[in-house]
Every structure is written in C-alpha cells, then in structure tokens.
Amino acid sequence: KMNTATSLLSSGLSVGTVAERLGFSSSAYFSAVFKRETGKIP
C-alpha cells in the first residue's frame, strides 16, 4: 500500500484522493501510517 501510495502521490494525486483509493478511513489516518512506514509525510 505504501509503495502504491508513493507512486500515486508522485503522479500528482492529492493526499485525500490517494487515501480514498487505498481504502483508508481518513486522510489523517493514511498520513499517520505513511509517516510511520516511510519516514515522510505524504
């Protein structure tokens, strides 16, 4: 999921759109998981 998120974010999609596409309940939760797993904010 995080690798897919990185690719989608790199293509220009917004944080909210990526969070929705990957089935996260909210952008905030997605951002927290992404930061924990990659060390970066979306």
PDB file of all heavy atoms in Angstrom:
ATOM      1  N   LYS A   1       0.823  -1.209   0.000  1.00  0.00           N
ATOM      2  CA  LYS A   1       0.000   0.000   0.000  1.00  0.00           C
ATOM      3  C   LYS A   1       0.860   1.264   0.000  1.00  0.00           C
ATOM      4  O   LYS A   1       0.570   2.230  -0.712  1.00  0.00           O
ATOM      5  CB  LYS A   1      -0.928  -0.003   1.217  1.00  0.00           C
ATOM      6  CG  LYS A   1      -2.136  -0.916   1.092  1.00  0.00           C
ATOM      7  CD  LYS A   1      -3.210  -0.525   2.086  1.00  0.00           C
ATOM      8  CE  LYS A   1      -4.515  -1.237   1.803  1.00  0.00           C
ATOM      9  NZ  LYS A   1      -5.646  -0.703   2.589  1.00  0.00           N
ATOM     10  N   MET A   2       1.909   1.255   0.787  1.00  0.00           N
ATOM     11  CA  MET A   2       2.759   2.446   0.870  1.00  0.00           C
ATOM     12  C   MET A   2       3.525   2.680  -0.432  1.00  0.00           C
ATOM     13  O   MET A   2       3.721   3.813  -0.859  1.00  0.00           O
ATOM     14  CB  MET A   2       3.728   2.326   2.043  1.00  0.00           C
ATOM     15  CG  MET A   2       3.058   2.310   3.417  1.00  0.00           C
ATOM     16  SD  MET A   2       1.989   3.761   3.723  1.00  0.00           S
ATOM     17  CE  MET A   2       0.344   3.077   3.380  1.00  0.00           C
ATOM     18  N   ASN A   3       3.963   1.599  -1.081  1.00  0.00           N
ATOM     19  CA  ASN A   3       4.634   1.746  -2.375  1.00  0.00           C
ATOM     20  C   ASN A   3       3.667   2.285  -3.424  1.00  0.00           C
ATOM     21  O   ASN A   3       4.024   3.138  -4.243  1.00  0.00           O
ATOM     22  CB  ASN A   3       5.206   0.406  -2.831  1.00  0.00           C
ATOM     23  CG  ASN A   3       6.446   0.015  -2.052  1.00  0.00           C
ATOM     24  OD1 ASN A   3       7.009   0.818  -1.325  1.00  0.00           O
ATOM     25  ND2 ASN A   3       6.868  -1.227  -2.191  1.00  0.00           N
ATOM     26  N   THR A   4       2.436   1.766  -3.402  1.00  0.00           N
ATOM     27  CA  THR A   4       1.416   2.264  -4.330  1.00  0.00           C
ATOM     28  C   THR A   4       1.102   3.725  -4.035  1.00  0.00           C
ATOM     29  O   THR A   4       0.956   4.542  -4.955  1.00  0.00           O
ATOM     30  CB  THR A   4       0.134   1.427  -4.212  1.00  0.00           C
ATOM     31  OG1 THR A   4       0.431   0.054  -4.472  1.00  0.00           O
ATOM     32  CG2 THR A   4      -0.924   1.907  -5.205  1.00  0.00           C
ATOM     33  N   ALA A   5       1.021   4.047  -2.758  1.00  0.00           N
ATOM     34  CA  ALA A   5       0.749   5.429  -2.364  1.00  0.00           C
ATOM     35  C   ALA A   5       1.851   6.357  -2.867  1.00  0.00           C
ATOM     36  O   ALA A   5       1.575   7.451  -3.377  1.00  0.00           O
ATOM     37  CB  ALA A   5       0.637   5.528  -0.843  1.00  0.00           C
ATOM     38  N   THR A   6       3.098   5.934  -2.746  1.00  0.00           N
ATOM     39  CA  THR A   6       4.223   6.747  -3.205  1.00  0.00           C
ATOM     40  C   THR A   6       4.122   7.008  -4.710  1.00  0.00           C
ATOM     41  O   THR A   6       4.342   8.133  -5.171  1.00  0.00           O
ATOM     42  CB  THR A   6       5.554   6.050  -2.889  1.00  0.00           C
ATOM     43  OG1 THR A   6       5.675   5.885  -1.480  1.00  0.00           O
ATOM     44  CG2 THR A   6       6.728   6.870  -3.401  1.00  0.00           C
ATOM     45  N   SER A   7       3.768   5.966  -5.458  1.00  0.00           N
ATOM     46  CA  SER A   7       3.633   6.122  -6.911  1.00  0.00           C
ATOM     47  C   SER A   7       2.491   7.072  -7.258  1.00  0.00           C
ATOM     48  O   SER A   7       2.624   7.926  -8.146  1.00  0.00           O
ATOM     49  CB  SER A   7       3.395   4.751  -7.561  1.00  0.00           C
ATOM     50  OG  SER A   7       4.492   3.890  -7.381  1.00  0.00           O
ATOM     51  N   LEU A   8       1.365   6.929  -6.572  1.00  0.00           N
ATOM     52  CA  LEU A   8       0.207   7.783  -6.848  1.00  0.00           C
ATOM     53  C   LEU A   8       0.484   9.236  -6.469  1.00  0.00           C
ATOM     54  O   LEU A   8       0.123  10.170  -7.206  1.00  0.00           O
ATOM     55  CB  LEU A   8      -1.016   7.264  -6.088  1.00  0.00           C
ATOM     56  CG  LEU A   8      -1.565   5.902  -6.529  1.00  0.00           C
ATOM     57  CD1 LEU A   8      -2.698   5.454  -5.612  1.00  0.00           C
ATOM     58  CD2 LEU A   8      -2.047   5.962  -7.983  1.00  0.00           C
ATOM     59  N   LEU A   9       1.120   9.431  -5.317  1.00  0.00           N
ATOM     60  CA  LEU A   9       1.459  10.795  -4.895  1.00  0.00           C
ATOM     61  C   LEU A   9       2.460  11.426  -5.865  1.00  0.00           C
ATOM     62  O   LEU A   9       2.368  12.613  -6.187  1.00  0.00           O
ATOM     63  CB  LEU A   9       2.043  10.769  -3.485  1.00  0.00           C
ATOM     64  CG  LEU A   9       1.072  10.426  -2.349  1.00  0.00           C
ATOM     65  CD1 LEU A   9       1.843  10.126  -1.067  1.00  0.00           C
ATOM     66  CD2 LEU A   9       0.079  11.566  -2.118  1.00  0.00           C
ATOM     67  N   SER A  10       3.403  10.618  -6.344  1.00  0.00           N
ATOM     68  CA  SER A  10       4.408  11.121  -7.283  1.00  0.00           C
ATOM     69  C   SER A  10       3.796  11.499  -8.625  1.00  0.00           C
ATOM     70  O   SER A  10       4.352  12.311  -9.364  1.00  0.00           O
ATOM     71  CB  SER A  10       5.505  10.071  -7.504  1.00  0.00           C
ATOM     72  OG  SER A  10       6.179   9.787  -6.298  1.00  0.00           O
ATOM     73  N   SER A  11       2.639  10.907  -8.937  1.00  0.00           N
ATOM     74  CA  SER A  11       1.966  11.233 -10.200  1.00  0.00           C
ATOM     75  C   SER A  11       1.145  12.516 -10.094  1.00  0.00           C
ATOM     76  O   SER A  11       0.593  12.983 -11.091  1.00  0.00           O
ATOM     77  CB  SER A  11       1.053  10.078 -10.620  1.00  0.00           C
ATOM     78  OG  SER A  11      -0.082   9.973  -9.766  1.00  0.00           O
ATOM     79  N   GLY A  12       1.045  13.058  -8.873  1.00  0.00           N
ATOM     80  CA  GLY A  12       0.356  14.324  -8.694  1.00  0.00           C
ATOM     81  C   GLY A  12      -0.987  14.250  -7.999  1.00  0.00           C
ATOM     82  O   GLY A  12      -1.631  15.275  -7.783  1.00  0.00           O
ATOM     83  N   LEU A  13      -1.442  13.052  -7.621  1.00  0.00           N
ATOM     84  CA  LEU A  13      -2.728  12.922  -6.936  1.00  0.00           C
ATOM     85  C   LEU A  13      -2.647  13.502  -5.526  1.00  0.00           C
ATOM     86  O   LEU A  13      -1.599  13.450  -4.882  1.00  0.00           O
ATOM     87  CB  LEU A  13      -3.148  11.450  -6.863  1.00  0.00           C
ATOM     88  CG  LEU A  13      -3.503  10.771  -8.186  1.00  0.00           C
ATOM     89  CD1 LEU A  13      -3.959   9.337  -7.938  1.00  0.00           C
ATOM     90  CD2 LEU A  13      -4.591  11.542  -8.934  1.00  0.00           C
ATOM     91  N   SER A  14      -3.745  14.022  -5.055  1.00  0.00           N
ATOM     92  CA  SER A  14      -3.783  14.628  -3.725  1.00  0.00           C
ATOM     93  C   SER A  14      -3.749  13.562  -2.638  1.00  0.00           C
ATOM     94  O   SER A  14      -4.043  12.378  -2.888  1.00  0.00           O
ATOM     95  CB  SER A  14      -5.055  15.464  -3.563  1.00  0.00           C
ATOM     96  OG  SER A  14      -6.201  14.620  -3.534  1.00  0.00           O
ATOM     97  N   VAL A  15      -3.405  13.985  -1.425  1.00  0.00           N
ATOM     98  CA  VAL A  15      -3.349  13.061  -0.289  1.00  0.00           C
ATOM     99  C   VAL A  15      -4.719  12.444  -0.047  1.00  0.00           C
ATOM    100  O   VAL A  15      -4.847  11.238   0.196  1.00  0.00           O
ATOM    101  CB  VAL A  15      -2.856  13.795   0.973  1.00  0.00           C
ATOM    102  CG1 VAL A  15      -2.933  12.872   2.190  1.00  0.00           C
ATOM    103  CG2 VAL A  15      -1.441  14.304   0.772  1.00  0.00           C
ATOM    104  N   GLY A  16      -5.767  13.246  -0.139  1.00  0.00           N
ATOM    105  CA  GLY A  16      -7.115  12.749   0.092  1.00  0.00           C
ATOM    106  C   GLY A  16      -7.530  11.700  -0.933  1.00  0.00           C
ATOM    107  O   GLY A  16      -8.137  10.686  -0.594  1.00  0.00           O
ATOM    108  N   THR A  17      -7.208  11.947  -2.193  1.00  0.00           N
ATOM    109  CA  THR A  17      -7.556  11.004  -3.255  1.00  0.00           C
ATOM    110  C   THR A  17      -6.830   9.676  -3.077  1.00  0.00           C
ATOM    111  O   THR A  17      -7.410   8.603  -3.219  1.00  0.00           O
ATOM    112  CB  THR A  17      -7.211  11.597  -4.635  1.00  0.00           C
ATOM    113  OG1 THR A  17      -7.952  12.793  -4.834  1.00  0.00           O
ATOM    114  CG2 THR A  17      -7.533  10.608  -5.748  1.00  0.00           C
ATOM    115  N   VAL A  18      -5.553   9.747  -2.732  1.00  0.00           N
ATOM    116  CA  VAL A  18      -4.769   8.526  -2.528  1.00  0.00           C
ATOM    117  C   VAL A  18      -5.297   7.746  -1.334  1.00  0.00           C
ATOM    118  O   VAL A  18      -5.428   6.517  -1.392  1.00  0.00           O
ATOM    119  CB  VAL A  18      -3.279   8.873  -2.323  1.00  0.00           C
ATOM    120  CG1 VAL A  18      -2.478   7.623  -1.958  1.00  0.00           C
ATOM    121  CG2 VAL A  18      -2.710   9.507  -3.583  1.00  0.00           C
ATOM    122  N   ALA A  19      -5.614   8.454  -0.257  1.00  0.00           N
ATOM    123  CA  ALA A  19      -6.152   7.782   0.931  1.00  0.00           C
ATOM    124  C   ALA A  19      -7.442   7.047   0.603  1.00  0.00           C
ATOM    125  O   ALA A  19      -7.658   5.904   1.028  1.00  0.00           O
ATOM    126  CB  ALA A  19      -6.391   8.820   2.035  1.00  0.00           C
ATOM    127  N   GLU A  20      -8.297   7.684  -0.192  1.00  0.00           N
ATOM    128  CA  GLU A  20      -9.569   7.071  -0.583  1.00  0.00           C
ATOM    129  C   GLU A  20      -9.345   5.856  -1.469  1.00  0.00           C
ATOM    130  O   GLU A  20      -9.973   4.806  -1.275  1.00  0.00           O
ATOM    131  CB  GLU A  20     -10.435   8.105  -1.297  1.00  0.00           C
ATOM    132  CG  GLU A  20     -11.818   7.588  -1.682  1.00  0.00           C
ATOM    133  CD  GLU A  20     -12.660   8.650  -2.358  1.00  0.00           C
ATOM    134  OE1 GLU A  20     -12.204   9.810  -2.471  1.00  0.00           O
ATOM    135  OE2 GLU A  20     -13.789   8.312  -2.787  1.00  0.00           O
ATOM    136  N   ARG A  21      -8.433   5.969  -2.433  1.00  0.00           N
ATOM    137  CA  ARG A  21      -8.163   4.859  -3.357  1.00  0.00           C
ATOM    138  C   ARG A  21      -7.617   3.627  -2.638  1.00  0.00           C
ATOM    139  O   ARG A  21      -7.848   2.492  -3.056  1.00  0.00           O
ATOM    140  CB  ARG A  21      -7.182   5.293  -4.435  1.00  0.00           C
ATOM    141  CG  ARG A  21      -7.777   6.190  -5.489  1.00  0.00           C
ATOM    142  CD  ARG A  21      -6.888   6.238  -6.709  1.00  0.00           C
ATOM    143  NE  ARG A  21      -7.405   7.118  -7.739  1.00  0.00           N
ATOM    144  CZ  ARG A  21      -6.880   7.262  -8.942  1.00  0.00           C
ATOM    145  NH1 ARG A  21      -5.793   6.568  -9.266  1.00  0.00           N
ATOM    146  NH2 ARG A  21      -7.399   8.077  -9.826  1.00  0.00           N
ATOM    147  N   LEU A  22      -6.884   3.861  -1.554  1.00  0.00           N
ATOM    148  CA  LEU A  22      -6.264   2.755  -0.838  1.00  0.00           C
ATOM    149  C   LEU A  22      -7.106   2.267   0.341  1.00  0.00           C
ATOM    150  O   LEU A  22      -6.648   1.442   1.124  1.00  0.00           O
ATOM    151  CB  LEU A  22      -4.864   3.162  -0.366  1.00  0.00           C
ATOM    152  CG  LEU A  22      -3.867   3.471  -1.486  1.00  0.00           C
ATOM    153  CD1 LEU A  22      -2.515   3.866  -0.904  1.00  0.00           C
ATOM    154  CD2 LEU A  22      -3.707   2.279  -2.421  1.00  0.00           C
ATOM    155  N   GLY A  23      -8.309   2.788   0.446  1.00  0.00           N
ATOM    156  CA  GLY A  23      -9.247   2.259   1.431  1.00  0.00           C
ATOM    157  C   GLY A  23      -9.046   2.734   2.853  1.00  0.00           C
ATOM    158  O   GLY A  23      -9.535   2.089   3.796  1.00  0.00           O
ATOM    159  N   PHE A  24      -8.345   3.848   3.060  1.00  0.00           N
ATOM    160  CA  PHE A  24      -8.160   4.383   4.405  1.00  0.00           C
ATOM    161  C   PHE A  24      -9.396   5.161   4.833  1.00  0.00           C
ATOM    162  O   PHE A  24     -10.032   5.828   4.011  1.00  0.00           O
ATOM    163  CB  PHE A  24      -6.924   5.274   4.467  1.00  0.00           C
ATOM    164  CG  PHE A  24      -5.637   4.512   4.468  1.00  0.00           C
ATOM    165  CD1 PHE A  24      -5.016   4.151   3.274  1.00  0.00           C
ATOM    166  CD2 PHE A  24      -5.043   4.129   5.667  1.00  0.00           C
ATOM    167  CE1 PHE A  24      -3.827   3.444   3.271  1.00  0.00           C
ATOM    168  CE2 PHE A  24      -3.853   3.418   5.670  1.00  0.00           C
ATOM    169  CZ  PHE A  24      -3.247   3.069   4.479  1.00  0.00           C
ATOM    170  N   SER A  25      -9.719   5.100   6.110  1.00  0.00           N
ATOM    171  CA  SER A  25     -10.935   5.739   6.616  1.00  0.00           C
ATOM    172  C   SER A  25     -10.853   7.258   6.589  1.00  0.00           C
ATOM    173  O   SER A  25     -11.881   7.940   6.539  1.00  0.00           O
ATOM    174  CB  SER A  25     -11.218   5.260   8.048  1.00  0.00           C
ATOM    175  OG  SER A  25     -10.102   5.532   8.895  1.00  0.00           O
ATOM    176  N   SER A  26      -9.633   7.794   6.627  1.00  0.00           N
ATOM    177  CA  SER A  26      -9.476   9.251   6.591  1.00  0.00           C
ATOM    178  C   SER A  26      -8.073   9.601   6.095  1.00  0.00           C
ATOM    179  O   SER A  26      -7.154   8.777   6.148  1.00  0.00           O
ATOM    180  CB  SER A  26      -9.685   9.854   7.986  1.00  0.00           C
ATOM    181  OG  SER A  26      -8.635   9.452   8.858  1.00  0.00           O
ATOM    182  N   SER A  27      -7.924  10.836   5.639  1.00  0.00           N
ATOM    183  CA  SER A  27      -6.613  11.314   5.194  1.00  0.00           C
ATOM    184  C   SER A  27      -5.631  11.365   6.355  1.00  0.00           C
ATOM    185  O   SER A  27      -4.433  11.097   6.184  1.00  0.00           O
ATOM    186  CB  SER A  27      -6.745  12.705   4.574  1.00  0.00           C
ATOM    187  OG  SER A  27      -7.543  12.677   3.417  1.00  0.00           O
ATOM    188  N   ALA A  28      -6.157  11.703   7.540  1.00  0.00           N
ATOM    189  CA  ALA A  28      -5.296  11.810   8.719  1.00  0.00           C
ATOM    190  C   ALA A  28      -4.695  10.444   9.083  1.00  0.00           C
ATOM    191  O   ALA A  28      -3.501  10.336   9.397  1.00  0.00           O
ATOM    192  CB  ALA A  28      -6.080  12.368   9.896  1.00  0.00           C
ATOM    193  N   TYR A  29      -5.555   9.401   9.022  1.00  0.00           N
ATOM    194  CA  TYR A  29      -5.065   8.059   9.351  1.00  0.00           C
ATOM    195  C   TYR A  29      -4.058   7.591   8.310  1.00  0.00           C
ATOM    196  O   TYR A  29      -3.008   7.023   8.636  1.00  0.00           O
ATOM    197  CB  TYR A  29      -6.241   7.090   9.431  1.00  0.00           C
ATOM    198  CG  TYR A  29      -5.830   5.658   9.720  1.00  0.00           C
ATOM    199  CD1 TYR A  29      -4.960   5.360  10.762  1.00  0.00           C
ATOM    200  CD2 TYR A  29      -6.297   4.611   8.929  1.00  0.00           C
ATOM    201  CE1 TYR A  29      -4.577   4.054  11.022  1.00  0.00           C
ATOM    202  CE2 TYR A  29      -5.917   3.303   9.178  1.00  0.00           C
ATOM    203  CZ  TYR A  29      -5.056   3.035  10.223  1.00  0.00           C
ATOM    204  OH  TYR A  29      -4.668   1.743  10.469  1.00  0.00           O
ATOM    205  N   PHE A  30      -4.354   7.845   7.042  1.00  0.00           N
ATOM    206  CA  PHE A  30      -3.421   7.482   5.976  1.00  0.00           C
ATOM    207  C   PHE A  30      -2.087   8.187   6.170  1.00  0.00           C
ATOM    208  O   PHE A  30      -1.011   7.578   6.056  1.00  0.00           O
ATOM    209  CB  PHE A  30      -4.004   7.854   4.614  1.00  0.00           C
ATOM    210  CG  PHE A  30      -2.981   7.897   3.512  1.00  0.00           C
ATOM    211  CD1 PHE A  30      -2.361   6.736   3.067  1.00  0.00           C
ATOM    212  CD2 PHE A  30      -2.616   9.114   2.928  1.00  0.00           C
ATOM    213  CE1 PHE A  30      -1.400   6.784   2.055  1.00  0.00           C
ATOM    214  CE2 PHE A  30      -1.662   9.168   1.917  1.00  0.00           C
ATOM    215  CZ  PHE A  30      -1.047   7.992   1.485  1.00  0.00           C
ATOM    216  N   SER A  31      -2.117   9.482   6.476  1.00  0.00           N
ATOM    217  CA  SER A  31      -0.890  10.252   6.660  1.00  0.00           C
ATOM    218  C   SER A  31      -0.065   9.714   7.819  1.00  0.00           C
ATOM    219  O   SER A  31       1.169   9.654   7.747  1.00  0.00           O
ATOM    220  CB  SER A  31      -1.218  11.729   6.904  1.00  0.00           C
ATOM    221  OG  SER A  31      -1.851  12.293   5.768  1.00  0.00           O
ATOM    222  N   ALA A  32      -0.754   9.296   8.883  1.00  0.00           N
ATOM    223  CA  ALA A  32      -0.051   8.749  10.047  1.00  0.00           C
ATOM    224  C   ALA A  32       0.644   7.441   9.700  1.00  0.00           C
ATOM    225  O   ALA A  32       1.797   7.213  10.090  1.00  0.00           O
ATOM    226  CB  ALA A  32      -1.033   8.546  11.192  1.00  0.00           C
ATOM    227  N   VAL A  33      -0.041   6.570   8.957  1.00  0.00           N
ATOM    228  CA  VAL A  33       0.545   5.285   8.560  1.00  0.00           C
ATOM    229  C   VAL A  33       1.705   5.509   7.590  1.00  0.00           C
ATOM    230  O   VAL A  33       2.765   4.884   7.708  1.00  0.00           O
ATOM    231  CB  VAL A  33      -0.520   4.373   7.915  1.00  0.00           C
ATOM    232  CG1 VAL A  33       0.126   3.099   7.355  1.00  0.00           C
ATOM    233  CG2 VAL A  33      -1.601   4.012   8.924  1.00  0.00           C
ATOM    234  N   PHE A  34       1.514   6.410   6.650  1.00  0.00           N
ATOM    235  CA  PHE A  34       2.559   6.699   5.659  1.00  0.00           C
ATOM    236  C   PHE A  34       3.810   7.237   6.347  1.00  0.00           C
ATOM    237  O   PHE A  34       4.930   6.829   6.023  1.00  0.00           O
ATOM    238  CB  PHE A  34       2.035   7.718   4.644  1.00  0.00           C
ATOM    239  CG  PHE A  34       2.927   7.878   3.435  1.00  0.00           C
ATOM    240  CD1 PHE A  34       2.784   7.044   2.336  1.00  0.00           C
ATOM    241  CD2 PHE A  34       3.904   8.862   3.387  1.00  0.00           C
ATOM    242  CE1 PHE A  34       3.603   7.177   1.221  1.00  0.00           C
ATOM    243  CE2 PHE A  34       4.731   9.004   2.283  1.00  0.00           C
ATOM    244  CZ  PHE A  34       4.573   8.157   1.195  1.00  0.00           C
ATOM    245  N   LYS A  35       3.637   8.145   7.302  1.00  0.00           N
ATOM    246  CA  LYS A  35       4.773   8.709   8.041  1.00  0.00           C
ATOM    247  C   LYS A  35       5.471   7.621   8.852  1.00  0.00           C
ATOM    248  O   LYS A  35       6.709   7.555   8.894  1.00  0.00           O
ATOM    249  CB  LYS A  35       4.274   9.820   8.968  1.00  0.00           C
ATOM    250  CG  LYS A  35       5.345  10.448   9.862  1.00  0.00           C
ATOM    251  CD  LYS A  35       6.370  11.213   9.058  1.00  0.00           C
ATOM    252  CE  LYS A  35       7.179  12.159   9.914  1.00  0.00           C
ATOM    253  NZ  LYS A  35       7.836  11.529  11.067  1.00  0.00           N
ATOM    254  N   ARG A  36       4.701   6.752   9.463  1.00  0.00           N
ATOM    255  CA  ARG A  36       5.283   5.671  10.281  1.00  0.00           C
ATOM    256  C   ARG A  36       6.095   4.704   9.433  1.00  0.00           C
ATOM    257  O   ARG A  36       7.171   4.261   9.839  1.00  0.00           O
ATOM    258  CB  ARG A  36       4.158   4.910  10.983  1.00  0.00           C
ATOM    259  CG  ARG A  36       4.627   3.810  11.933  1.00  0.00           C
ATOM    260  CD  ARG A  36       3.452   2.958  12.349  1.00  0.00           C
ATOM    261  NE  ARG A  36       2.955   2.142  11.248  1.00  0.00           N
ATOM    262  CZ  ARG A  36       1.693   1.705  11.150  1.00  0.00           C
ATOM    263  NH1 ARG A  36       0.796   2.049  12.053  1.00  0.00           N
ATOM    264  NH2 ARG A  36       1.333   0.952  10.130  1.00  0.00           N
ATOM    265  N   GLU A  37       5.590   4.386   8.245  1.00  0.00           N
ATOM    266  CA  GLU A  37       6.227   3.362   7.407  1.00  0.00           C
ATOM    267  C   GLU A  37       7.355   3.902   6.537  1.00  0.00           C
ATOM    268  O   GLU A  37       8.301   3.182   6.231  1.00  0.00           O
ATOM    269  CB  GLU A  37       5.171   2.704   6.507  1.00  0.00           C
ATOM    270  CG  GLU A  37       4.089   1.947   7.264  1.00  0.00           C
ATOM    271  CD  GLU A  37       4.638   0.779   8.056  1.00  0.00           C
ATOM    272  OE1 GLU A  37       5.579   0.121   7.567  1.00  0.00           O
ATOM    273  OE2 GLU A  37       4.137   0.542   9.172  1.00  0.00           O
ATOM    274  N   THR A  38       7.268   5.153   6.102  1.00  0.00           N
ATOM    275  CA  THR A  38       8.258   5.691   5.158  1.00  0.00           C
ATOM    276  C   THR A  38       9.156   6.768   5.756  1.00  0.00           C
ATOM    277  O   THR A  38      10.202   7.087   5.180  1.00  0.00           O
ATOM    278  CB  THR A  38       7.564   6.281   3.923  1.00  0.00           C
ATOM    279  OG1 THR A  38       6.842   7.475   4.295  1.00  0.00           O
ATOM    280  CG2 THR A  38       6.595   5.280   3.301  1.00  0.00           C
ATOM    281  N   GLY A  39       8.739   7.329   6.885  1.00  0.00           N
ATOM    282  CA  GLY A  39       9.517   8.405   7.483  1.00  0.00           C
ATOM    283  C   GLY A  39       9.243   9.762   6.867  1.00  0.00           C
ATOM    284  O   GLY A  39       9.862  10.755   7.246  1.00  0.00           O
ATOM    285  N   LYS A  40       8.314   9.832   5.905  1.00  0.00           N
ATOM    286  CA  LYS A  40       7.960  11.086   5.251  1.00  0.00           C
ATOM    287  C   LYS A  40       6.468  11.338   5.382  1.00  0.00           C
ATOM    288  O   LYS A  40       5.681  10.407   5.547  1.00  0.00           O
ATOM    289  CB  LYS A  40       8.327  11.057   3.756  1.00  0.00           C
ATOM    290  CG  LYS A  40       9.808  10.976   3.461  1.00  0.00           C
ATOM    291  CD  LYS A  40      10.038  11.012   1.950  1.00  0.00           C
ATOM    292  CE  LYS A  40      11.503  11.002   1.603  1.00  0.00           C
ATOM    293  NZ  LYS A  40      11.732  11.087   0.133  1.00  0.00           N
ATOM    294  N   ILE A  41       6.076  12.599   5.268  1.00  0.00           N
ATOM    295  CA  ILE A  41       4.651  12.918   5.213  1.00  0.00           C
ATOM    296  C   ILE A  41       4.233  12.891   3.750  1.00  0.00           C
ATOM    297  O   ILE A  41       5.022  13.227   2.862  1.00  0.00           O
ATOM    298  CB  ILE A  41       4.335  14.287   5.870  1.00  0.00           C
ATOM    299  CG1 ILE A  41       5.133  15.397   5.187  1.00  0.00           C
ATOM    300  CG2 ILE A  41       4.638  14.250   7.356  1.00  0.00           C
ATOM    301  CD1 ILE A  41       4.774  16.797   5.698  1.00  0.00           C
ATOM    302  N   PRO A  42       2.995  12.480   3.446  1.00  0.00           N
ATOM    303  CA  PRO A  42       2.561  12.357   2.051  1.00  0.00           C
ATOM    304  C   PRO A  42       2.730  13.634   1.227  1.00  0.00           C
ATOM    305  O   PRO A  42       3.102  13.575   0.067  1.00  0.00           O
ATOM    306  CB  PRO A  42       1.080  11.991   2.195  1.00  0.00           C
ATOM    307  CG  PRO A  42       0.974  11.329   3.508  1.00  0.00           C
ATOM    308  CD  PRO A  42       1.955  12.042   4.393  1.00  0.00           C
TER     309      PRO A  42
END
